[in-house]
C-alpha atoms as a PDB file:
ATOM      1  CA  UNK A   1      92.910 136.038 185.736  1.00  0.00           C
ATOM      2  CA  UNK A   2      94.182 133.993 182.639  1.00  0.00           C
ATOM      3  CA  UNK A   3      91.975 131.144 184.127  1.00  0.00           C
ATOM      4  CA  UNK A   4      88.686 133.258 183.632  1.00  0.00           C
ATOM      5  CA  UNK A   5      89.590 134.854 180.451  1.00  0.00           C
ATOM      6  CA  UNK A   6      89.730 131.382 178.635  1.00  0.00           C
ATOM      7  CA  UNK A   7      86.842 130.787 180.525  1.00  0.00           C
ATOM      8  CA  UNK A   8      84.966 133.145 178.672  1.00  0.00           C
ATOM      9  CA  UNK A   9      86.735 132.618 175.190  1.00  0.00           C
ATOM     10  CA  UNK A  10      86.443 128.492 175.442  1.00  0.00           C
ATOM     11  CA  UNK A  11      82.155 128.861 173.332  1.00  0.00           C
ATOM     12  CA  UNK A  12      83.753 131.172 170.951  1.00  0.00           C
ATOM     13  CA  UNK A  13      86.801 129.122 170.394  1.00  0.00           C
ATOM     14  CA  UNK A  14      84.423 126.171 169.873  1.00  0.00           C
ATOM     15  CA  UNK A  15      81.935 127.663 167.387  1.00  0.00           C
ATOM     16  CA  UNK A  16      84.968 128.538 165.397  1.00  0.00           C
ATOM     17  CA  UNK A  17      86.058 125.271 165.216  1.00  0.00           C
ATOM     18  CA  UNK A  18      82.882 123.507 163.707  1.00  0.00           C
ATOM     19  CA  UNK A  19      82.442 126.921 161.359  1.00  0.00           C
ATOM     20  CA  UNK A  20      86.020 125.450 159.808  1.00  0.00           C
ATOM     21  CA  UNK A  21      85.369 121.744 159.635  1.00  0.00           C
ATOM     22  CA  UNK A  22      85.348 120.631 156.083  1.00  0.00           C
ATOM     23  CA  UNK A  23      82.681 119.972 153.992  1.00  0.00           C
ATOM     24  CA  UNK A  24      81.442 116.396 153.751  1.00  0.00           C
ATOM     25  CA  UNK A  25      82.229 114.219 150.994  1.00  0.00           C
ATOM     26  CA  UNK A  26      79.781 115.031 148.367  1.00  0.00           C
ATOM     27  CA  UNK A  27      77.685 111.889 147.323  1.00  0.00           C
ATOM     28  CA  UNK A  28      78.816 109.564 144.442  1.00  0.00           C
ATOM     29  CA  UNK A  29      77.766 110.590 141.009  1.00  0.00           C
ATOM     30  CA  UNK A  30      75.072 107.450 140.157  1.00  0.00           C
ATOM     31  CA  UNK A  31      76.300 105.226 137.198  1.00  0.00           C
ATOM     32  CA  UNK A  32      74.915 105.768 133.617  1.00  0.00           C
ATOM     33  CA  UNK A  33      72.295 103.777 133.024  1.00  0.00           C
ATOM     34  CA  UNK A  34      73.168 100.697 130.119  1.00  0.00           C
ATOM     35  CA  UNK A  35      72.151 102.190 126.504  1.00  0.00           C
ATOM     36  CA  UNK A  36      72.302  99.177 123.883  1.00  0.00           C
ATOM     37  CA  UNK A  37      74.291 100.233 120.966  1.00  0.00           C
ATOM     38  CA  UNK A  38      76.179 103.477 122.960  1.00  0.00           C
ATOM     39  CA  UNK A  39      77.233 101.216 126.384  1.00  0.00           C
ATOM     40  CA  UNK A  40      79.670  97.905 126.542  1.00  0.00           C
ATOM     41  CA  UNK A  41      79.318  94.833 128.139  1.00  0.00           C
ATOM     42  CA  UNK A  42      81.860  93.864 130.041  1.00  0.00           C
ATOM     43  CA  UNK A  43      82.678  89.635 131.267  1.00  0.00           C
ATOM     44  CA  UNK A  44      84.172  88.593 134.192  1.00  0.00           C
ATOM     45  CA  UNK A  45      87.939  89.476 132.598  1.00  0.00           C
ATOM     46  CA  UNK A  46      86.916  93.166 132.260  1.00  0.00           C
ATOM     47  CA  UNK A  47      87.035  92.354 128.965  1.00  0.00           C
ATOM     48  CA  UNK A  48      84.527  94.744 126.684  1.00  0.00           C
ATOM     49  CA  UNK A  49      82.299  93.952 123.879  1.00  0.00           C
ATOM     50  CA  UNK A  50      79.972  96.707 122.245  1.00  0.00           C
ATOM     51  CA  UNK A  51      76.583  95.746 121.772  1.00  0.00           C
ATOM     52  CA  UNK A  52      73.661  95.944 118.851  1.00  0.00           C
ATOM     53  CA  UNK A  53      69.904  96.392 119.799  1.00  0.00           C
ATOM     54  CA  UNK A  54      68.449  93.832 117.287  1.00  0.00           C
ATOM     55  CA  UNK A  55      64.230  93.763 117.414  1.00  0.00           C
ATOM     56  CA  UNK A  56      63.690  93.687 121.131  1.00  0.00           C
ATOM     57  CA  UNK A  57      67.028  92.215 121.661  1.00  0.00           C
ATOM     58  CA  UNK A  58      70.145  93.458 122.807  1.00  0.00           C
ATOM     59  CA  UNK A  59      73.134  91.600 121.253  1.00  0.00           C
ATOM     60  CA  UNK A  60      76.887  91.434 122.237  1.00  0.00           C
ATOM     61  CA  UNK A  61      78.482  93.011 118.495  1.00  0.00           C
ATOM     62  CA  UNK A  62      81.622  90.546 119.377  1.00  0.00           C
ATOM     63  CA  UNK A  63      81.982  86.645 120.033  1.00  0.00           C
ATOM     64  CA  UNK A  64      82.497  85.888 123.908  1.00  0.00           C
ATOM     65  CA  UNK A  65      86.324  85.570 124.706  1.00  0.00           C
ATOM     66  CA  UNK A  66      86.358  84.955 128.393  1.00  0.00           C
ATOM     67  CA  UNK A  67      88.598  82.204 129.505  1.00  0.00           C
ATOM     68  CA  UNK A  68      86.722  81.907 133.070  1.00  0.00           C
ATOM     69  CA  UNK A  69      83.313  81.893 134.716  1.00  0.00           C
ATOM     70  CA  UNK A  70      81.622  83.841 137.131  1.00  0.00           C
ATOM     71  CA  UNK A  71      82.758  82.378 140.078  1.00  0.00           C
ATOM     72  CA  UNK A  72      86.187  83.047 138.551  1.00  0.00           C
ATOM     73  CA  UNK A  73      87.281  79.291 137.488  1.00  0.00           C
ATOM     74  CA  UNK A  74      89.296  78.982 134.812  1.00  0.00           C
ATOM     75  CA  UNK A  75      88.064  76.985 131.587  1.00  0.00           C
ATOM     76  CA  UNK A  76      90.739  74.368 130.572  1.00  0.00           C
ATOM     77  CA  UNK A  77      92.572  75.754 127.521  1.00  0.00           C
ATOM     78  CA  UNK A  78      95.387  74.960 125.388  1.00  0.00           C
ATOM     79  CA  UNK A  79      94.106  71.566 124.925  1.00  0.00           C
ATOM     80  CA  UNK A  80      96.012  69.674 121.780  1.00  0.00           C
ATOM     81  CA  UNK A  81      94.213  68.958 118.522  1.00  0.00           C
ATOM     82  CA  UNK A  82      94.584  64.890 118.892  1.00  0.00           C
ATOM     83  CA  UNK A  83      93.098  65.358 123.116  1.00  0.00           C
ATOM     84  CA  UNK A  84      90.411  67.669 121.881  1.00  0.00           C
ATOM     85  CA  UNK A  85      88.002  64.860 120.288  1.00  0.00           C
ATOM     86  CA  UNK A  86      88.025  62.918 123.530  1.00  0.00           C
ATOM     87  CA  UNK A  87      87.920  65.960 126.199  1.00  0.00           C
ATOM     88  CA  UNK A  88      84.342  65.146 127.335  1.00  0.00           C
ATOM     89  CA  UNK A  89      84.558  68.096 129.715  1.00  0.00           C
ATOM     90  CA  UNK A  90      84.203  71.832 130.422  1.00  0.00           C
ATOM     91  CA  UNK A  91      87.281  73.317 127.508  1.00  0.00           C
ATOM     92  CA  UNK A  92      87.915  76.357 125.327  1.00  0.00           C
ATOM     93  CA  UNK A  93      89.998  76.699 122.628  1.00  0.00           C
ATOM     94  CA  UNK A  94      91.352  79.827 119.825  1.00  0.00           C
ATOM     95  CA  UNK A  95      91.095  79.567 116.339  1.00  0.00           C
ATOM     96  CA  UNK A  96      94.194  77.961 115.388  1.00  0.00           C
ATOM     97  CA  UNK A  97      95.937  78.967 118.509  1.00  0.00           C
ATOM     98  CA  UNK A  98      96.973  82.127 117.251  1.00  0.00           C
ATOM     99  CA  UNK A  99      96.900  84.710 120.608  1.00  0.00           C
ATOM    100  CA  UNK A 100      95.432  87.525 118.310  1.00  0.00           C
ATOM    101  CA  UNK A 101      92.742  85.358 116.635  1.00  0.00           C
ATOM    102  CA  UNK A 102      91.208  85.872 120.716  1.00  0.00           C
ATOM    103  CA  UNK A 103      90.483  89.014 120.101  1.00  0.00           C
ATOM    104  CA  UNK A 104      89.153  89.720 116.441  1.00  0.00           C
ATOM    105  CA  UNK A 105      86.820  85.898 117.057  1.00  0.00           C
ATOM    106  CA  UNK A 106      86.635  85.764 120.221  1.00  0.00           C
ATOM    107  CA  UNK A 107      86.761  82.345 122.024  1.00  0.00           C
ATOM    108  CA  UNK A 108      85.679  78.580 120.606  1.00  0.00           C
ATOM    109  CA  UNK A 109      83.824  76.496 123.521  1.00  0.00           C
ATOM    110  CA  UNK A 110      82.646  72.952 123.617  1.00  0.00           C
ATOM    111  CA  UNK A 111      78.937  72.288 124.560  1.00  0.00           C
ATOM    112  CA  UNK A 112      80.142  71.362 127.992  1.00  0.00           C
ATOM    113  CA  UNK A 113      81.757  74.668 128.959  1.00  0.00           C
ATOM    114  CA  UNK A 114      78.852  76.596 126.939  1.00  0.00           C
ATOM    115  CA  UNK A 115      76.234  75.321 129.362  1.00  0.00           C
ATOM    116  CA  UNK A 116      77.757  74.565 132.670  1.00  0.00           C
ATOM    117  CA  UNK A 117      75.796  76.098 135.373  1.00  0.00           C
ATOM    118  CA  UNK A 118      79.041  78.627 137.103  1.00  0.00           C
ATOM    119  CA  UNK A 119      77.494  80.884 133.856  1.00  0.00           C
ATOM    120  CA  UNK A 120      79.802  82.575 131.184  1.00  0.00           C
ATOM    121  CA  UNK A 121      77.452  85.549 130.934  1.00  0.00           C
ATOM    122  CA  UNK A 122      77.232  88.582 132.986  1.00  0.00           C
ATOM    123  CA  UNK A 123      74.555  89.426 135.453  1.00  0.00           C
ATOM    124  CA  UNK A 124      71.732  90.540 133.511  1.00  0.00           C
ATOM    125  CA  UNK A 125      72.597  88.610 130.951  1.00  0.00           C
ATOM    126  CA  UNK A 126      72.308  85.199 129.161  1.00  0.00           C
ATOM    127  CA  UNK A 127      73.842  82.771 126.446  1.00  0.00           C
ATOM    128  CA  UNK A 128      71.609  82.815 123.485  1.00  0.00           C
ATOM    129  CA  UNK A 129      69.109  80.647 123.448  1.00  0.00           C
ATOM    130  CA  UNK A 130      67.097  78.795 121.509  1.00  0.00           C
ATOM    131  CA  UNK A 131      64.456  80.590 121.168  1.00  0.00           C
ATOM    132  CA  UNK A 132      66.819  84.078 121.031  1.00  0.00           C
ATOM    133  CA  UNK A 133      67.811  83.364 117.694  1.00  0.00           C
ATOM    134  CA  UNK A 134      64.296  82.048 116.305  1.00  0.00           C
ATOM    135  CA  UNK A 135      63.613  85.977 117.600  1.00  0.00           C
ATOM    136  CA  UNK A 136      66.583  87.203 115.364  1.00  0.00           C
ATOM    137  CA  UNK A 137      66.478  85.304 112.330  1.00  0.00           C
ATOM    138  CA  UNK A 138      62.111  85.802 112.927  1.00  0.00           C
ATOM    139  CA  UNK A 139      62.946  89.756 112.612  1.00  0.00           C
ATOM    140  CA  UNK A 140      65.527  89.670 109.453  1.00  0.00           C
ATOM    141  CA  UNK A 141      63.121  87.471 107.678  1.00  0.00           C
ATOM    142  CA  UNK A 142      59.593  86.962 108.783  1.00  0.00           C
ATOM    143  CA  UNK A 143      59.159  84.022 106.524  1.00  0.00           C
ATOM    144  CA  UNK A 144      61.397  82.962 108.001  1.00  0.00           C
ATOM    145  CA  UNK A 145      61.084  78.544 109.498  1.00  0.00           C
ATOM    146  CA  UNK A 146      61.098  78.194 112.962  1.00  0.00           C
ATOM    147  CA  UNK A 147      59.277  75.095 113.194  1.00  0.00           C
ATOM    148  CA  UNK A 148      62.170  72.717 111.673  1.00  0.00           C
ATOM    149  CA  UNK A 149      63.063  69.829 114.532  1.00  0.00           C
ATOM    150  CA  UNK A 150      65.555  67.527 112.243  1.00  0.00           C
ATOM    151  CA  UNK A 151      69.260  66.296 113.239  1.00  0.00           C
ATOM    152  CA  UNK A 152      70.599  67.863 110.085  1.00  0.00           C
ATOM    153  CA  UNK A 153      70.265  71.275 109.239  1.00  0.00           C
ATOM    154  CA  UNK A 154      67.393  73.420 109.600  1.00  0.00           C
ATOM    155  CA  UNK A 155      67.389  76.390 106.609  1.00  0.00           C
ATOM    156  CA  UNK A 156      66.043  79.302 109.464  1.00  0.00           C
ATOM    157  CA  UNK A 157      66.119  82.379 107.083  1.00  0.00           C
ATOM    158  CA  UNK A 158      67.373  82.641 103.532  1.00  0.00           C
ATOM    159  CA  UNK A 159      68.779  86.597 103.812  1.00  0.00           C
ATOM    160  CA  UNK A 160      69.543  86.517 107.374  1.00  0.00           C
ATOM    161  CA  UNK A 161      73.195  85.078 106.446  1.00  0.00           C
ATOM    162  CA  UNK A 162      74.273  88.339 105.173  1.00  0.00           C
ATOM    163  CA  UNK A 163      72.611  90.784 107.106  1.00  0.00           C
ATOM    164  CA  UNK A 164      74.424  89.068 110.295  1.00  0.00           C
ATOM    165  CA  UNK A 165      78.138  89.226 108.518  1.00  0.00           C
ATOM    166  CA  UNK A 166      80.497  91.917 109.217  1.00  0.00           C
ATOM    167  CA  UNK A 167      81.497  93.314 105.309  1.00  0.00           C
ATOM    168  CA  UNK A 168      85.309  91.675 105.974  1.00  0.00           C
ATOM    169  CA  UNK A 169      87.500  88.933 107.042  1.00  0.00           C
ATOM    170  CA  UNK A 170      84.892  86.455 105.088  1.00  0.00           C
ATOM    171  CA  UNK A 171      85.795  84.527 101.551  1.00  0.00           C
ATOM    172  CA  UNK A 172      84.745  86.386  98.351  1.00  0.00           C
ATOM    173  CA  UNK A 173      81.542  85.054  96.822  1.00  0.00           C
ATOM    174  CA  UNK A 174      81.035  86.203  93.082  1.00  0.00           C
ATOM    175  CA  UNK A 175      77.445  86.218  93.767  1.00  0.00           C
ATOM    176  CA  UNK A 176      76.060  89.265  94.708  1.00  0.00           C
ATOM    177  CA  UNK A 177      73.245  88.130  96.436  1.00  0.00           C
ATOM    178  CA  UNK A 178      75.623  86.346  99.134  1.00  0.00           C
ATOM    179  CA  UNK A 179      77.795  89.661  99.881  1.00  0.00           C
ATOM    180  CA  UNK A 180      77.942  90.596 103.427  1.00  0.00           C
ATOM    181  CA  UNK A 181      75.988  93.424 104.310  1.00  0.00           C
ATOM    182  CA  UNK A 182      75.853  93.217 107.927  1.00  0.00           C
ATOM    183  CA  UNK A 183      72.918  95.681 107.667  1.00  0.00           C
ATOM    184  CA  UNK A 184      71.393  94.297 111.548  1.00  0.00           C
ATOM    185  CA  UNK A 185      74.622  95.140 112.830  1.00  0.00           C
ATOM    186  CA  UNK A 186      75.439  91.361 114.339  1.00  0.00           C
ATOM    187  CA  UNK A 187      78.001  91.723 112.855  1.00  0.00           C
ATOM    188  CA  UNK A 188      79.547  87.599 112.724  1.00  0.00           C
ATOM    189  CA  UNK A 189      83.353  87.096 111.617  1.00  0.00           C
ATOM    190  CA  UNK A 190      84.474  83.981 110.269  1.00  0.00           C
ATOM    191  CA  UNK A 191      85.651  82.554 113.737  1.00  0.00           C
ATOM    192  CA  UNK A 192      84.940  79.017 112.488  1.00  0.00           C
ATOM    193  CA  UNK A 193      84.828  75.885 114.897  1.00  0.00           C
ATOM    194  CA  UNK A 194      86.297  72.774 116.174  1.00  0.00           C
ATOM    195  CA  UNK A 195      85.418  69.879 115.113  1.00  0.00           C
ATOM    196  CA  UNK A 196      84.899  67.303 117.414  1.00  0.00           C
ATOM    197  CA  UNK A 197      85.948  64.425 115.867  1.00  0.00           C
ATOM    198  CA  UNK A 198      89.358  65.433 114.718  1.00  0.00           C
ATOM    199  CA  UNK A 199      90.130  68.483 116.689  1.00  0.00           C
ATOM    200  CA  UNK A 200      91.455  70.428 113.673  1.00  0.00           C
ATOM    201  CA  UNK A 201      89.903  74.350 112.870  1.00  0.00           C
ATOM    202  CA  UNK A 202      87.858  74.785 109.985  1.00  0.00           C
ATOM    203  CA  UNK A 203      88.594  77.137 107.431  1.00  0.00           C
ATOM    204  CA  UNK A 204      90.029  80.431 107.462  1.00  0.00           C
ATOM    205  CA  UNK A 205      87.219  82.867 106.606  1.00  0.00           C
ATOM    206  CA  UNK A 206      84.700  80.260 105.716  1.00  0.00           C
ATOM    207  CA  UNK A 207      81.860  80.026 108.400  1.00  0.00           C
ATOM    208  CA  UNK A 208      80.648  80.865 112.203  1.00  0.00           C
ATOM    209  CA  UNK A 209      78.995  78.765 114.552  1.00  0.00           C
ATOM    210  CA  UNK A 210      77.322  79.721 117.861  1.00  0.00           C
ATOM    211  CA  UNK A 211      76.285  77.067 120.850  1.00  0.00           C
ATOM    212  CA  UNK A 212      72.842  77.761 122.147  1.00  0.00           C
ATOM    213  CA  UNK A 213      72.433  75.777 125.671  1.00  0.00           C
ATOM    214  CA  UNK A 214      70.001  73.876 124.072  1.00  0.00           C
ATOM    215  CA  UNK A 215      70.838  70.259 125.042  1.00  0.00           C
ATOM    216  CA  UNK A 216      69.029  66.749 123.459  1.00  0.00           C
ATOM    217  CA  UNK A 217      69.780  63.472 123.374  1.00  0.00           C
ATOM    218  CA  UNK A 218      70.983  63.318 120.247  1.00  0.00           C
ATOM    219  CA  UNK A 219      72.905  66.221 119.575  1.00  0.00           C
ATOM    220  CA  UNK A 220      73.094  69.912 121.186  1.00  0.00           C
ATOM    221  CA  UNK A 221      71.607  72.852 118.750  1.00  0.00           C
ATOM    222  CA  UNK A 222      73.805  75.010 117.542  1.00  0.00           C
ATOM    223  CA  UNK A 223      73.157  77.877 114.681  1.00  0.00           C
ATOM    224  CA  UNK A 224      75.160  78.591 111.570  1.00  0.00           C
ATOM    225  CA  UNK A 225      76.251  80.499 108.333  1.00  0.00           C
ATOM    226  CA  UNK A 226      79.237  80.180 106.131  1.00  0.00           C
ATOM    227  CA  UNK A 227      80.589  82.073 102.982  1.00  0.00           C
ATOM    228  CA  UNK A 228      78.586  80.443 100.447  1.00  0.00           C
ATOM    229  CA  UNK A 229      75.048  81.170 101.537  1.00  0.00           C
ATOM    230  CA  UNK A 230      72.790  83.466 102.593  1.00  0.00           C
ATOM    231  CA  UNK A 231      70.829  81.338 105.100  1.00  0.00           C
ATOM    232  CA  UNK A 232      71.059  81.251 108.766  1.00  0.00           C
ATOM    233  CA  UNK A 233      71.101  77.349 109.624  1.00  0.00           C
ATOM    234  CA  UNK A 234      70.163  75.601 112.784  1.00  0.00           C
ATOM    235  CA  UNK A 235      72.105  72.165 113.754  1.00  0.00           C
ATOM    236  CA  UNK A 236      71.979  69.220 115.977  1.00  0.00           C
ATOM    237  CA  UNK A 237      75.931  68.897 116.564  1.00  0.00           C
ATOM    238  CA  UNK A 238      78.074  66.373 118.990  1.00  0.00           C
ATOM    239  CA  UNK A 239      78.664  68.130 122.347  1.00  0.00           C
ATOM    240  CA  UNK A 240      82.377  68.150 121.735  1.00  0.00           C
ATOM    241  CA  UNK A 241      82.025  70.942 118.845  1.00  0.00           C
ATOM    242  CA  UNK A 242      83.757  74.056 119.632  1.00  0.00           C
ATOM    243  CA  UNK A 243      81.521  77.308 118.717  1.00  0.00           C
ATOM    244  CA  UNK A 244      81.545  80.650 119.246  1.00  0.00           C
ATOM    245  CA  UNK A 245      79.166  82.208 121.580  1.00  0.00           C
ATOM    246  CA  UNK A 246      76.983  85.013 122.321  1.00  0.00           C
ATOM    247  CA  UNK A 247      75.223  87.164 125.136  1.00  0.00           C
ATOM    248  CA  UNK A 248      72.193  88.187 124.818  1.00  0.00           C
ATOM    249  CA  UNK A 249      69.883  90.633 126.720  1.00  0.00           C
ATOM    250  CA  UNK A 250      65.963  91.801 126.455  1.00  0.00           C
ATOM    251  CA  UNK A 251      65.768  95.540 125.751  1.00  0.00           C
ATOM    252  CA  UNK A 252      63.600  96.137 128.563  1.00  0.00           C
ATOM    253  CA  UNK A 253      65.891  94.632 131.090  1.00  0.00           C
ATOM    254  CA  UNK A 254      66.712  96.618 133.915  1.00  0.00           C
ATOM    255  CA  UNK A 255      69.826  95.307 136.055  1.00  0.00           C
END
């Protein structure tokens, strides 16, 4: 009798068990889409960088400070001043060797690191090229000269320098026309440079420099501005020079 009762109840028991099974896991929420000026960029070391739209480009709002390439390899650092001029492979440094300057100004990289094929900018971003800087300065100053191709300084824009500089940390200037406005939102701080021939750093508050990955037989292109000028200049310098880096993407880019 008991076996018969169990046989009769078994289908009902199975049906009840089905009814009390846990609900399937909910579908994960889709990651929010990247919005330039609101979203932040993240590098291989999970450092976060605010972003800013300028024209049809999206720029990092601060300088790169990663100490690793995209494959996880470390960039040589901590190189003494006396050794830096003899370094002909990739290297990076912190301004004045002070750890707090890493967060403030980002790192200074020689050209070997900036142009290394292992890459520094995360997926969907690129190291700002000569062409990217041309677009930036043309957006800031429609009359900017982007045809200069000499070895010395090329004055791309005579007004863009004040528009890209943050309003803090720069050496003061008595001329109001040369004072930073940061009206572009680029927020350039005077992260200076590391001299290729001396291994020392430029004066505090004086200038900002950025490598592009563009190379040439007589030097490599970089951009720079200083406290005493409203210009963004273009230079060719020795690839041992230490300069800052910025990553950029097009505003219509999709990851």
